[in-house]
Amino acid sequence: MIQGRGPKVRRERGRRFVVKPKVCTFCTEKKEIDYKDFAMLRRYVSERGKIEPRRRTGVCGKHQRRLAMAIKRARFIALLPATPIHSRQLGLSGGAHERHIRESQSAETNIPAEKD
């Protein structure tokens, strides 16, 4: 006979801070989610361009779904970037592309290219 563990007991020792419950700002302030309000939508997108999860944003499930649809719609019509800004500015896309850039730069300055 296999004996399983009993129910897990949460220990309340040494809590350093009290976690206050997050309240949905759209429910409390009666704000509407609009895909054209990219300044508001940007608060719910990470710096890597990903939609932030509910546990981080604190919105309810209903508004998280509406928020995700609004962000996707804003990306589709190019109000929000679909990729992180630094990769678009620097052109970081992969090995072959970067190697081509290094070779073209070294050919312009007459410096031998690095071999990988």
PDB file of N, CA and C in Angstrom:
ATOM      1  N   MET A   1       0.830  -1.172   0.000  1.00  0.00           N
ATOM      2  CA  MET A   1       0.000   0.000   0.000  1.00  0.00           C
ATOM      3  C   MET A   1       0.891   1.257   0.000  1.00  0.00           C
ATOM      4  N   ILE A   2       0.589   2.158  -0.877  1.00  0.00           N
ATOM      5  CA  ILE A   2       1.380   3.385  -0.997  1.00  0.00           C
ATOM      6  C   ILE A   2       0.751   4.454  -0.113  1.00  0.00           C
ATOM      7  N   GLN A   3       1.578   5.046   0.704  1.00  0.00           N
ATOM      8  CA  GLN A   3       1.071   6.108   1.562  1.00  0.00           C
ATOM      9  C   GLN A   3       1.401   7.451   0.931  1.00  0.00           C
ATOM     10  N   GLY A   4       0.394   8.230   0.707  1.00  0.00           N
ATOM     11  CA  GLY A   4       0.594   9.558   0.136  1.00  0.00           C
ATOM     12  C   GLY A   4       0.833  10.571   1.229  1.00  0.00           C
ATOM     13  N   ARG A   5       1.206  11.695   0.821  1.00  0.00           N
ATOM     14  CA  ARG A   5       1.407  12.775   1.781  1.00  0.00           C
ATOM     15  C   ARG A   5       0.054  13.333   2.184  1.00  0.00           C
ATOM     16  N   GLY A   6       0.022  13.892   3.320  1.00  0.00           N
ATOM     17  CA  GLY A   6      -1.200  14.519   3.807  1.00  0.00           C
ATOM     18  C   GLY A   6      -1.406  15.867   3.131  1.00  0.00           C
ATOM     19  N   PRO A   7      -2.441  16.569   3.523  1.00  0.00           N
ATOM     20  CA  PRO A   7      -2.679  17.888   2.915  1.00  0.00           C
ATOM     21  C   PRO A   7      -1.538  18.847   3.245  1.00  0.00           C
ATOM     22  N   LYS A   8      -1.257  19.711   2.297  1.00  0.00           N
ATOM     23  CA  LYS A   8      -0.165  20.666   2.485  1.00  0.00           C
ATOM     24  C   LYS A   8      -0.576  21.727   3.503  1.00  0.00           C
ATOM     25  N   VAL A   9       0.336  22.009   4.379  1.00  0.00           N
ATOM     26  CA  VAL A   9       0.089  23.006   5.417  1.00  0.00           C
ATOM     27  C   VAL A   9       0.923  24.235   5.086  1.00  0.00           C
ATOM     28  N   ARG A  10       0.261  25.359   5.032  1.00  0.00           N
ATOM     29  CA  ARG A  10       0.977  26.606   4.772  1.00  0.00           C
ATOM     30  C   ARG A  10       1.516  27.161   6.073  1.00  0.00           C
ATOM     31  N   ARG A  11       2.747  27.474   6.062  1.00  0.00           N
ATOM     32  CA  ARG A  11       3.377  28.022   7.256  1.00  0.00           C
ATOM     33  C   ARG A  11       3.413  29.538   7.149  1.00  0.00           C
ATOM     34  N   GLU A  12       3.064  30.169   8.200  1.00  0.00           N
ATOM     35  CA  GLU A  12       2.979  31.631   8.221  1.00  0.00           C
ATOM     36  C   GLU A  12       4.159  32.252   8.956  1.00  0.00           C
ATOM     37  N   ARG A  13       5.315  31.678   8.833  1.00  0.00           N
ATOM     38  CA  ARG A  13       6.448  32.213   9.576  1.00  0.00           C
ATOM     39  C   ARG A  13       7.212  33.240   8.752  1.00  0.00           C
ATOM     40  N   GLY A  14       7.509  34.316   9.357  1.00  0.00           N
ATOM     41  CA  GLY A  14       8.402  35.308   8.785  1.00  0.00           C
ATOM     42  C   GLY A  14       7.926  35.977   7.508  1.00  0.00           C
ATOM     43  N   ARG A  15       6.666  36.279   7.388  1.00  0.00           N
ATOM     44  CA  ARG A  15       6.213  37.022   6.205  1.00  0.00           C
ATOM     45  C   ARG A  15       6.764  38.440   6.279  1.00  0.00           C
ATOM     46  N   ARG A  16       7.364  38.869   5.204  1.00  0.00           N
ATOM     47  CA  ARG A  16       8.014  40.176   5.223  1.00  0.00           C
ATOM     48  C   ARG A  16       7.083  41.303   4.802  1.00  0.00           C
ATOM     49  N   PHE A  17       6.112  40.999   3.996  1.00  0.00           N
ATOM     50  CA  PHE A  17       5.194  42.034   3.558  1.00  0.00           C
ATOM     51  C   PHE A  17       3.804  41.420   3.387  1.00  0.00           C
ATOM     52  N   VAL A  18       2.821  42.249   3.429  1.00  0.00           N
ATOM     53  CA  VAL A  18       1.443  41.795   3.277  1.00  0.00           C
ATOM     54  C   VAL A  18       1.052  42.021   1.826  1.00  0.00           C
ATOM     55  N   VAL A  19       0.546  40.995   1.191  1.00  0.00           N
ATOM     56  CA  VAL A  19       0.144  41.096  -0.204  1.00  0.00           C
ATOM     57  C   VAL A  19      -1.275  41.655  -0.247  1.00  0.00           C
ATOM     58  N   LYS A  20      -1.414  42.830  -0.820  1.00  0.00           N
ATOM     59  CA  LYS A  20      -2.755  43.387  -0.904  1.00  0.00           C
ATOM     60  C   LYS A  20      -3.415  42.889  -2.191  1.00  0.00           C
ATOM     61  N   PRO A  21      -4.693  42.636  -2.154  1.00  0.00           N
ATOM     62  CA  PRO A  21      -5.363  42.113  -3.354  1.00  0.00           C
ATOM     63  C   PRO A  21      -5.402  43.166  -4.457  1.00  0.00           C
ATOM     64  N   LYS A  22      -5.144  42.712  -5.670  1.00  0.00           N
ATOM     65  CA  LYS A  22      -5.187  43.631  -6.800  1.00  0.00           C
ATOM     66  C   LYS A  22      -6.635  43.802  -7.244  1.00  0.00           C
ATOM     67  N   VAL A  23      -6.983  45.008  -7.550  1.00  0.00           N
ATOM     68  CA  VAL A  23      -8.347  45.319  -7.962  1.00  0.00           C
ATOM     69  C   VAL A  23      -8.316  45.785  -9.407  1.00  0.00           C
ATOM     70  N   CYS A  24      -9.243  45.293 -10.192  1.00  0.00           N
ATOM     71  CA  CYS A  24      -9.304  45.651 -11.610  1.00  0.00           C
ATOM     72  C   CYS A  24      -9.605  47.138 -11.759  1.00  0.00           C
ATOM     73  N   THR A  25      -8.719  47.875 -12.414  1.00  0.00           N
ATOM     74  CA  THR A  25      -8.919  49.318 -12.587  1.00  0.00           C
ATOM     75  C   THR A  25     -10.056  49.612 -13.562  1.00  0.00           C
ATOM     76  N   PHE A  26     -10.299  48.700 -14.476  1.00  0.00           N
ATOM     77  CA  PHE A  26     -11.382  48.925 -15.434  1.00  0.00           C
ATOM     78  C   PHE A  26     -12.744  48.771 -14.761  1.00  0.00           C
ATOM     79  N   CYS A  27     -12.842  47.860 -13.775  1.00  0.00           N
ATOM     80  CA  CYS A  27     -14.097  47.676 -13.047  1.00  0.00           C
ATOM     81  C   CYS A  27     -14.343  48.824 -12.073  1.00  0.00           C
ATOM     82  N   THR A  28     -13.309  49.234 -11.336  1.00  0.00           N
ATOM     83  CA  THR A  28     -13.501  50.253 -10.303  1.00  0.00           C
ATOM     84  C   THR A  28     -13.696  51.644 -10.889  1.00  0.00           C
ATOM     85  N   GLU A  29     -12.971  51.965 -11.942  1.00  0.00           N
ATOM     86  CA  GLU A  29     -13.059  53.310 -12.514  1.00  0.00           C
ATOM     87  C   GLU A  29     -14.017  53.377 -13.693  1.00  0.00           C
ATOM     88  N   LYS A  30     -14.635  52.245 -14.040  1.00  0.00           N
ATOM     89  CA  LYS A  30     -15.590  52.172 -15.159  1.00  0.00           C
ATOM     90  C   LYS A  30     -14.981  52.690 -16.462  1.00  0.00           C
ATOM     91  N   LYS A  31     -13.698  52.332 -16.687  1.00  0.00           N
ATOM     92  CA  LYS A  31     -13.024  52.747 -17.917  1.00  0.00           C
ATOM     93  C   LYS A  31     -13.303  51.733 -19.020  1.00  0.00           C
ATOM     94  N   GLU A  32     -13.376  52.208 -20.227  1.00  0.00           N
ATOM     95  CA  GLU A  32     -13.555  51.341 -21.392  1.00  0.00           C
ATOM     96  C   GLU A  32     -12.198  51.070 -22.031  1.00  0.00           C
ATOM     97  N   ILE A  33     -12.042  49.881 -22.566  1.00  0.00           N
ATOM     98  CA  ILE A  33     -10.809  49.515 -23.257  1.00  0.00           C
ATOM     99  C   ILE A  33     -10.977  49.877 -24.724  1.00  0.00           C
ATOM    100  N   ASP A  34     -10.090  50.740 -25.221  1.00  0.00           N
ATOM    101  CA  ASP A  34     -10.165  51.183 -26.606  1.00  0.00           C
ATOM    102  C   ASP A  34      -8.837  50.869 -27.292  1.00  0.00           C
ATOM    103  N   TYR A  35      -8.895  50.229 -28.435  1.00  0.00           N
ATOM    104  CA  TYR A  35      -7.673  49.854 -29.136  1.00  0.00           C
ATOM    105  C   TYR A  35      -6.924  51.066 -29.670  1.00  0.00           C
ATOM    106  N   LYS A  36      -7.577  52.212 -29.771  1.00  0.00           N
ATOM    107  CA  LYS A  36      -6.914  53.417 -30.274  1.00  0.00           C
ATOM    108  C   LYS A  36      -6.138  54.159 -29.187  1.00  0.00           C
ATOM    109  N   ASP A  37      -6.373  53.808 -27.932  1.00  0.00           N
ATOM    110  CA  ASP A  37      -5.673  54.441 -26.817  1.00  0.00           C
ATOM    111  C   ASP A  37      -4.378  53.678 -26.548  1.00  0.00           C
ATOM    112  N   PHE A  38      -3.388  53.865 -27.419  1.00  0.00           N
ATOM    113  CA  PHE A  38      -2.162  53.078 -27.333  1.00  0.00           C
ATOM    114  C   PHE A  38      -1.332  53.430 -26.114  1.00  0.00           C
ATOM    115  N   ALA A  39      -1.488  54.631 -25.560  1.00  0.00           N
ATOM    116  CA  ALA A  39      -0.751  54.985 -24.348  1.00  0.00           C
ATOM    117  C   ALA A  39      -1.220  54.133 -23.168  1.00  0.00           C
ATOM    118  N   MET A  40      -2.523  53.883 -23.091  1.00  0.00           N
ATOM    119  CA  MET A  40      -3.049  53.035 -22.029  1.00  0.00           C
ATOM    120  C   MET A  40      -2.682  51.573 -22.278  1.00  0.00           C
ATOM    121  N   LEU A  41      -2.750  51.128 -23.522  1.00  0.00           N
ATOM    122  CA  LEU A  41      -2.438  49.736 -23.849  1.00  0.00           C
ATOM    123  C   LEU A  41      -0.969  49.409 -23.599  1.00  0.00           C
ATOM    124  N   ARG A  42      -0.103  50.379 -23.773  1.00  0.00           N
ATOM    125  CA  ARG A  42       1.329  50.166 -23.594  1.00  0.00           C
ATOM    126  C   ARG A  42       1.677  49.777 -22.159  1.00  0.00           C
ATOM    127  N   ARG A  43       0.839  50.191 -21.199  1.00  0.00           N
ATOM    128  CA  ARG A  43       1.061  49.821 -19.802  1.00  0.00           C
ATOM    129  C   ARG A  43       0.904  48.326 -19.579  1.00  0.00           C
ATOM    130  N   TYR A  44       0.168  47.651 -20.447  1.00  0.00           N
ATOM    131  CA  TYR A  44      -0.125  46.232 -20.280  1.00  0.00           C
ATOM    132  C   TYR A  44       0.702  45.358 -21.215  1.00  0.00           C
ATOM    133  N   VAL A  45       1.738  45.938 -21.825  1.00  0.00           N
ATOM    134  CA  VAL A  45       2.643  45.201 -22.702  1.00  0.00           C
ATOM    135  C   VAL A  45       4.051  45.329 -22.128  1.00  0.00           C
ATOM    136  N   SER A  46       4.774  44.212 -22.064  1.00  0.00           N
ATOM    137  CA  SER A  46       6.130  44.239 -21.507  1.00  0.00           C
ATOM    138  C   SER A  46       7.078  44.942 -22.478  1.00  0.00           C
ATOM    139  N   GLU A  47       8.290  45.195 -22.020  1.00  0.00           N
ATOM    140  CA  GLU A  47       9.270  45.844 -22.888  1.00  0.00           C
ATOM    141  C   GLU A  47       9.704  44.932 -24.025  1.00  0.00           C
ATOM    142  N   ARG A  48       9.462  43.627 -23.877  1.00  0.00           N
ATOM    143  CA  ARG A  48       9.748  42.669 -24.943  1.00  0.00           C
ATOM    144  C   ARG A  48       8.591  42.537 -25.934  1.00  0.00           C
ATOM    145  N   GLY A  49       7.495  43.244 -25.678  1.00  0.00           N
ATOM    146  CA  GLY A  49       6.367  43.223 -26.596  1.00  0.00           C
ATOM    147  C   GLY A  49       5.314  42.180 -26.274  1.00  0.00           C
ATOM    148  N   LYS A  50       5.413  41.536 -25.122  1.00  0.00           N
ATOM    149  CA  LYS A  50       4.449  40.502 -24.746  1.00  0.00           C
ATOM    150  C   LYS A  50       3.337  41.093 -23.891  1.00  0.00           C
ATOM    151  N   ILE A  51       2.153  40.523 -24.000  1.00  0.00           N
ATOM    152  CA  ILE A  51       1.031  40.952 -23.173  1.00  0.00           C
ATOM    153  C   ILE A  51       1.270  40.456 -21.756  1.00  0.00           C
ATOM    154  N   GLU A  52       1.172  41.366 -20.798  1.00  0.00           N
ATOM    155  CA  GLU A  52       1.413  41.011 -19.401  1.00  0.00           C
ATOM    156  C   GLU A  52       0.284  40.122 -18.877  1.00  0.00           C
ATOM    157  N   PRO A  53       0.602  39.159 -18.007  1.00  0.00           N
ATOM    158  CA  PRO A  53      -0.437  38.286 -17.464  1.00  0.00           C
ATOM    159  C   PRO A  53      -1.284  38.986 -16.405  1.00  0.00           C
ATOM    160  N   ARG A  54      -2.424  38.364 -16.086  1.00  0.00           N
ATOM    161  CA  ARG A  54      -3.344  38.921 -15.104  1.00  0.00           C
ATOM    162  C   ARG A  54      -2.713  39.102 -13.741  1.00  0.00           C
ATOM    163  N   ARG A  55      -1.875  38.170 -13.342  1.00  0.00           N
ATOM    164  CA  ARG A  55      -1.287  38.253 -12.003  1.00  0.00           C
ATOM    165  C   ARG A  55      -0.380  39.462 -11.865  1.00  0.00           C
ATOM    166  N   ARG A  56       0.143  39.973 -12.962  1.00  0.00           N
ATOM    167  CA  ARG A  56       1.001  41.153 -12.907  1.00  0.00           C
ATOM    168  C   ARG A  56       0.202  42.439 -13.096  1.00  0.00           C
ATOM    169  N   THR A  57      -0.790  42.430 -13.974  1.00  0.00           N
ATOM    170  CA  THR A  57      -1.547  43.645 -14.248  1.00  0.00           C
ATOM    171  C   THR A  57      -2.639  43.893 -13.230  1.00  0.00           C
ATOM    172  N   GLY A  58      -3.232  42.815 -12.691  1.00  0.00           N
ATOM    173  CA  GLY A  58      -4.266  42.977 -11.688  1.00  0.00           C
ATOM    174  C   GLY A  58      -5.660  43.202 -12.253  1.00  0.00           C
ATOM    175  N   VAL A  59      -5.862  42.977 -13.532  1.00  0.00           N
ATOM    176  CA  VAL A  59      -7.199  43.140 -14.096  1.00  0.00           C
ATOM    177  C   VAL A  59      -7.959  41.820 -13.997  1.00  0.00           C
ATOM    178  N   CYS A  60      -9.289  41.900 -14.049  1.00  0.00           N
ATOM    179  CA  CYS A  60     -10.104  40.689 -13.952  1.00  0.00           C
ATOM    180  C   CYS A  60     -10.058  39.930 -15.282  1.00  0.00           C
ATOM    181  N   GLY A  61     -10.586  38.727 -15.285  1.00  0.00           N
ATOM    182  CA  GLY A  61     -10.533  37.874 -16.470  1.00  0.00           C
ATOM    183  C   GLY A  61     -11.261  38.466 -17.662  1.00  0.00           C
ATOM    184  N   LYS A  62     -12.413  39.045 -17.408  1.00  0.00           N
ATOM    185  CA  LYS A  62     -13.210  39.650 -18.480  1.00  0.00           C
ATOM    186  C   LYS A  62     -12.436  40.768 -19.166  1.00  0.00           C
ATOM    187  N   HIS A  63     -11.833  41.634 -18.379  1.00  0.00           N
ATOM    188  CA  HIS A  63     -11.098  42.758 -18.962  1.00  0.00           C
ATOM    189  C   HIS A  63      -9.745  42.331 -19.519  1.00  0.00           C
ATOM    190  N   GLN A  64      -9.148  41.255 -18.993  1.00  0.00           N
ATOM    191  CA  GLN A  64      -7.898  40.755 -19.565  1.00  0.00           C
ATOM    192  C   GLN A  64      -8.126  40.256 -20.986  1.00  0.00           C
ATOM    193  N   ARG A  65      -9.236  39.568 -21.214  1.00  0.00           N
ATOM    194  CA  ARG A  65      -9.552  39.092 -22.570  1.00  0.00           C
ATOM    195  C   ARG A  65      -9.802  40.260 -23.512  1.00  0.00           C
ATOM    196  N   ARG A  66     -10.534  41.254 -23.047  1.00  0.00           N
ATOM    197  CA  ARG A  66     -10.789  42.441 -23.886  1.00  0.00           C
ATOM    198  C   ARG A  66      -9.502  43.221 -24.138  1.00  0.00           C
ATOM    199  N   LEU A  67      -8.657  43.279 -23.121  1.00  0.00           N
ATOM    200  CA  LEU A  67      -7.376  43.969 -23.248  1.00  0.00           C
ATOM    201  C   LEU A  67      -6.492  43.279 -24.273  1.00  0.00           C
ATOM    202  N   ALA A  68      -6.449  41.941 -24.239  1.00  0.00           N
ATOM    203  CA  ALA A  68      -5.644  41.188 -25.195  1.00  0.00           C
ATOM    204  C   ALA A  68      -6.138  41.416 -26.620  1.00  0.00           C
ATOM    205  N   MET A  69      -7.454  41.424 -26.813  1.00  0.00           N
ATOM    206  CA  MET A  69      -7.998  41.672 -28.157  1.00  0.00           C
ATOM    207  C   MET A  69      -7.674  43.087 -28.633  1.00  0.00           C
ATOM    208  N   ALA A  70      -7.757  44.061 -27.724  1.00  0.00           N
ATOM    209  CA  ALA A  70      -7.446  45.444 -28.097  1.00  0.00           C
ATOM    210  C   ALA A  70      -5.967  45.596 -28.448  1.00  0.00           C
ATOM    211  N   ILE A  71      -5.084  44.929 -27.703  1.00  0.00           N
ATOM    212  CA  ILE A  71      -3.648  44.999 -27.992  1.00  0.00           C
ATOM    213  C   ILE A  71      -3.357  44.362 -29.344  1.00  0.00           C
ATOM    214  N   LYS A  72      -3.974  43.215 -29.609  1.00  0.00           N
ATOM    215  CA  LYS A  72      -3.762  42.550 -30.897  1.00  0.00           C
ATOM    216  C   LYS A  72      -4.292  43.391 -32.053  1.00  0.00           C
ATOM    217  N   ARG A  73      -5.423  44.039 -31.841  1.00  0.00           N
ATOM    218  CA  ARG A  73      -5.974  44.906 -32.884  1.00  0.00           C
ATOM    219  C   ARG A  73      -5.071  46.117 -33.116  1.00  0.00           C
ATOM    220  N   ALA A  74      -4.539  46.697 -32.039  1.00  0.00           N
ATOM    221  CA  ALA A  74      -3.641  47.848 -32.166  1.00  0.00           C
ATOM    222  C   ALA A  74      -2.337  47.456 -32.857  1.00  0.00           C
ATOM    223  N   ARG A  75      -1.867  46.232 -32.607  1.00  0.00           N
ATOM    224  CA  ARG A  75      -0.676  45.756 -33.312  1.00  0.00           C
ATOM    225  C   ARG A  75      -0.954  45.582 -34.794  1.00  0.00           C
ATOM    226  N   PHE A  76      -2.144  45.068 -35.103  1.00  0.00           N
ATOM    227  CA  PHE A  76      -2.492  44.798 -36.490  1.00  0.00           C
ATOM    228  C   PHE A  76      -2.524  46.075 -37.323  1.00  0.00           C
ATOM    229  N   ILE A  77      -3.010  47.166 -36.735  1.00  0.00           N
ATOM    230  CA  ILE A  77      -3.051  48.423 -37.490  1.00  0.00           C
ATOM    231  C   ILE A  77      -1.843  49.313 -37.178  1.00  0.00           C
ATOM    232  N   ALA A  78      -0.822  48.727 -36.535  1.00  0.00           N
ATOM    233  CA  ALA A  78       0.488  49.354 -36.300  1.00  0.00           C
ATOM    234  C   ALA A  78       0.445  50.543 -35.343  1.00  0.00           C
ATOM    235  N   LEU A  79      -0.463  50.522 -34.375  1.00  0.00           N
ATOM    236  CA  LEU A  79      -0.409  51.524 -33.309  1.00  0.00           C
ATOM    237  C   LEU A  79       0.577  51.102 -32.233  1.00  0.00           C
ATOM    238  N   LEU A  80       0.710  49.802 -32.017  1.00  0.00           N
ATOM    239  CA  LEU A  80       1.685  49.251 -31.085  1.00  0.00           C
ATOM    240  C   LEU A  80       2.684  48.413 -31.869  1.00  0.00           C
ATOM    241  N   PRO A  81       3.943  48.434 -31.470  1.00  0.00           N
ATOM    242  CA  PRO A  81       4.922  47.581 -32.165  1.00  0.00           C
ATOM    243  C   PRO A  81       4.704  46.115 -31.801  1.00  0.00           C
ATOM    244  N   ALA A  82       4.867  45.247 -32.772  1.00  0.00           N
ATOM    245  CA  ALA A  82       4.724  43.810 -32.527  1.00  0.00           C
ATOM    246  C   ALA A  82       6.022  43.203 -32.040  1.00  0.00           C
ATOM    247  N   THR A  83       7.137  43.907 -32.216  1.00  0.00           N
ATOM    248  CA  THR A  83       8.442  43.417 -31.778  1.00  0.00           C
ATOM    249  C   THR A  83       9.076  44.451 -30.868  1.00  0.00           C
ATOM    250  N   PRO A  84      10.062  44.051 -30.080  1.00  0.00           N
ATOM    251  CA  PRO A  84      10.758  45.023 -29.243  1.00  0.00           C
ATOM    252  C   PRO A  84      11.451  46.085 -30.093  1.00  0.00           C
ATOM    253  N   ILE A  85      11.523  47.279 -29.576  1.00  0.00           N
ATOM    254  CA  ILE A  85      12.066  48.409 -30.330  1.00  0.00           C
ATOM    255  C   ILE A  85      13.558  48.244 -30.602  1.00  0.00           C
ATOM    256  N   HIS A  86      14.319  47.728 -29.624  1.00  0.00           N
ATOM    257  CA  HIS A  86      15.769  47.661 -29.800  1.00  0.00           C
ATOM    258  C   HIS A  86      16.158  46.726 -30.931  1.00  0.00           C
ATOM    259  N   SER A  87      15.413  45.681 -31.179  1.00  0.00           N
ATOM    260  CA  SER A  87      15.790  44.773 -32.258  1.00  0.00           C
ATOM    261  C   SER A  87      15.487  45.395 -33.622  1.00  0.00           C
ATOM    262  N   ARG A  88      14.472  46.246 -33.684  1.00  0.00           N
ATOM    263  CA  ARG A  88      14.190  46.904 -34.955  1.00  0.00           C
ATOM    264  C   ARG A  88      15.216  47.992 -35.248  1.00  0.00           C
ATOM    265  N   GLN A  89      15.672  48.700 -34.229  1.00  0.00           N
ATOM    266  CA  GLN A  89      16.630  49.773 -34.449  1.00  0.00           C
ATOM    267  C   GLN A  89      18.011  49.228 -34.803  1.00  0.00           C
ATOM    268  N   LEU A  90      18.417  48.160 -34.130  1.00  0.00           N
ATOM    269  CA  LEU A  90      19.757  47.631 -34.343  1.00  0.00           C
ATOM    270  C   LEU A  90      19.817  46.593 -35.451  1.00  0.00           C
ATOM    271  N   GLY A  91      18.680  46.069 -35.856  1.00  0.00           N
ATOM    272  CA  GLY A  91      18.670  45.068 -36.901  1.00  0.00           C
ATOM    273  C   GLY A  91      19.188  43.725 -36.447  1.00  0.00           C
ATOM    274  N   LEU A  92      18.945  43.374 -35.206  1.00  0.00           N
ATOM    275  CA  LEU A  92      19.410  42.094 -34.679  1.00  0.00           C
ATOM    276  C   LEU A  92      18.429  41.011 -35.092  1.00  0.00           C
ATOM    277  N   SER A  93      18.773  40.279 -36.133  1.00  0.00           N
ATOM    278  CA  SER A  93      17.830  39.271 -36.585  1.00  0.00           C
ATOM    279  C   SER A  93      18.424  37.884 -36.653  1.00  0.00           C
ATOM    280  N   GLY A  94      19.705  37.759 -36.663  1.00  0.00           N
ATOM    281  CA  GLY A  94      20.278  36.417 -36.706  1.00  0.00           C
ATOM    282  C   GLY A  94      21.710  36.422 -37.173  1.00  0.00           C
ATOM    283  N   GLY A  95      22.325  35.246 -37.163  1.00  0.00           N
ATOM    284  CA  GLY A  95      23.740  35.113 -37.460  1.00  0.00           C
ATOM    285  C   GLY A  95      24.129  35.489 -38.875  1.00  0.00           C
ATOM    286  N   ALA A  96      23.416  34.976 -39.870  1.00  0.00           N
ATOM    287  CA  ALA A  96      23.789  35.223 -41.259  1.00  0.00           C
ATOM    288  C   ALA A  96      23.658  36.708 -41.605  1.00  0.00           C
ATOM    289  N   HIS A  97      22.610  37.333 -41.101  1.00  0.00           N
ATOM    290  CA  HIS A  97      22.394  38.746 -41.383  1.00  0.00           C
ATOM    291  C   HIS A  97      23.498  39.592 -40.744  1.00  0.00           C
ATOM    292  N   GLU A  98      23.843  39.288 -39.497  1.00  0.00           N
ATOM    293  CA  GLU A  98      24.889  40.046 -38.815  1.00  0.00           C
ATOM    294  C   GLU A  98      26.246  39.830 -39.478  1.00  0.00           C
ATOM    295  N   ARG A  99      26.507  38.603 -39.902  1.00  0.00           N
ATOM    296  CA  ARG A  99      27.773  38.309 -40.582  1.00  0.00           C
ATOM    297  C   ARG A  99      27.872  39.111 -41.880  1.00  0.00           C
ATOM    298  N   HIS A 100      26.763  39.221 -42.610  1.00  0.00           N
ATOM    299  CA  HIS A 100      26.751  39.990 -43.859  1.00  0.00           C
ATOM    300  C   HIS A 100      27.032  41.463 -43.574  1.00  0.00           C
ATOM    301  N   ILE A 101      26.467  41.991 -42.505  1.00  0.00           N
ATOM    302  CA  ILE A 101      26.697  43.394 -42.146  1.00  0.00           C
ATOM    303  C   ILE A 101      28.165  43.613 -41.785  1.00  0.00           C
ATOM    304  N   ARG A 102      28.749  42.704 -40.998  1.00  0.00           N
ATOM    305  CA  ARG A 102      30.167  42.847 -40.626  1.00  0.00           C
ATOM    306  C   ARG A 102      31.060  42.788 -41.850  1.00  0.00           C
ATOM    307  N   GLU A 103      30.763  41.872 -42.772  1.00  0.00           N
ATOM    308  CA  GLU A 103      31.590  41.745 -43.970  1.00  0.00           C
ATOM    309  C   GLU A 103      31.489  42.981 -44.849  1.00  0.00           C
ATOM    310  N   SER A 104      30.290  43.538 -44.965  1.00  0.00           N
ATOM    311  CA  SER A 104      30.144  44.727 -45.803  1.00  0.00           C
ATOM    312  C   SER A 104      30.818  45.937 -45.158  1.00  0.00           C
ATOM    313  N   GLN A 105      30.761  46.036 -43.828  1.00  0.00           N
ATOM    314  CA  GLN A 105      31.426  47.140 -43.142  1.00  0.00           C
ATOM    315  C   GLN A 105      32.937  47.012 -43.234  1.00  0.00           C
ATOM    316  N   SER A 106      33.434  45.788 -43.114  1.00  0.00           N
ATOM    317  CA  SER A 106      34.879  45.618 -43.174  1.00  0.00           C
ATOM    318  C   SER A 106      35.395  45.824 -44.598  1.00  0.00           C
ATOM    319  N   ALA A 107      34.587  45.522 -45.600  1.00  0.00           N
ATOM    320  CA  ALA A 107      35.007  45.739 -46.985  1.00  0.00           C
ATOM    321  C   ALA A 107      35.099  47.234 -47.283  1.00  0.00           C
ATOM    322  N   GLU A 108      34.206  48.021 -46.670  1.00  0.00           N
ATOM    323  CA  GLU A 108      34.220  49.464 -46.889  1.00  0.00           C
ATOM    324  C   GLU A 108      35.444  50.114 -46.254  1.00  0.00           C
ATOM    325  N   THR A 109      35.882  49.578 -45.114  1.00  0.00           N
ATOM    326  CA  THR A 109      37.007  50.185 -44.408  1.00  0.00           C
ATOM    327  C   THR A 109      38.323  49.466 -44.665  1.00  0.00           C
ATOM    328  N   ASN A 110      38.324  48.470 -45.561  1.00  0.00           N
ATOM    329  CA  ASN A 110      39.509  47.696 -45.925  1.00  0.00           C
ATOM    330  C   ASN A 110      40.138  46.957 -44.741  1.00  0.00           C
ATOM    331  N   ILE A 111      39.296  46.497 -43.837  1.00  0.00           N
ATOM    332  CA  ILE A 111      39.753  45.692 -42.706  1.00  0.00           C
ATOM    333  C   ILE A 111      39.314  44.259 -42.985  1.00  0.00           C
ATOM    334  N   PRO A 112      40.221  43.299 -42.805  1.00  0.00           N
ATOM    335  CA  PRO A 112      39.808  41.918 -43.062  1.00  0.00           C
ATOM    336  C   PRO A 112      38.668  41.491 -42.143  1.00  0.00           C
ATOM    337  N   ALA A 113      37.709  40.741 -42.709  1.00  0.00           N
ATOM    338  CA  ALA A 113      36.536  40.288 -41.953  1.00  0.00           C
ATOM    339  C   ALA A 113      36.914  39.177 -41.005  1.00  0.00           C
ATOM    340  N   GLU A 114      36.190  39.104 -39.893  1.00  0.00           N
ATOM    341  CA  GLU A 114      36.409  38.031 -38.930  1.00  0.00           C
ATOM    342  C   GLU A 114      35.843  36.745 -39.483  1.00  0.00           C
ATOM    343  N   LYS A 115      36.519  35.661 -39.234  1.00  0.00           N
ATOM    344  CA  LYS A 115      36.043  34.350 -39.670  1.00  0.00           C
ATOM    345  C   LYS A 115      35.393  33.677 -38.478  1.00  0.00           C
ATOM    346  N   ASP A 116      34.200  33.115 -38.696  1.00  0.00           N
ATOM    347  CA  ASP A 116      33.488  32.412 -37.623  1.00  0.00           C
ATOM    348  C   ASP A 116      33.839  30.959 -37.599  1.00  0.00           C
TER     349      ASP A 116
END
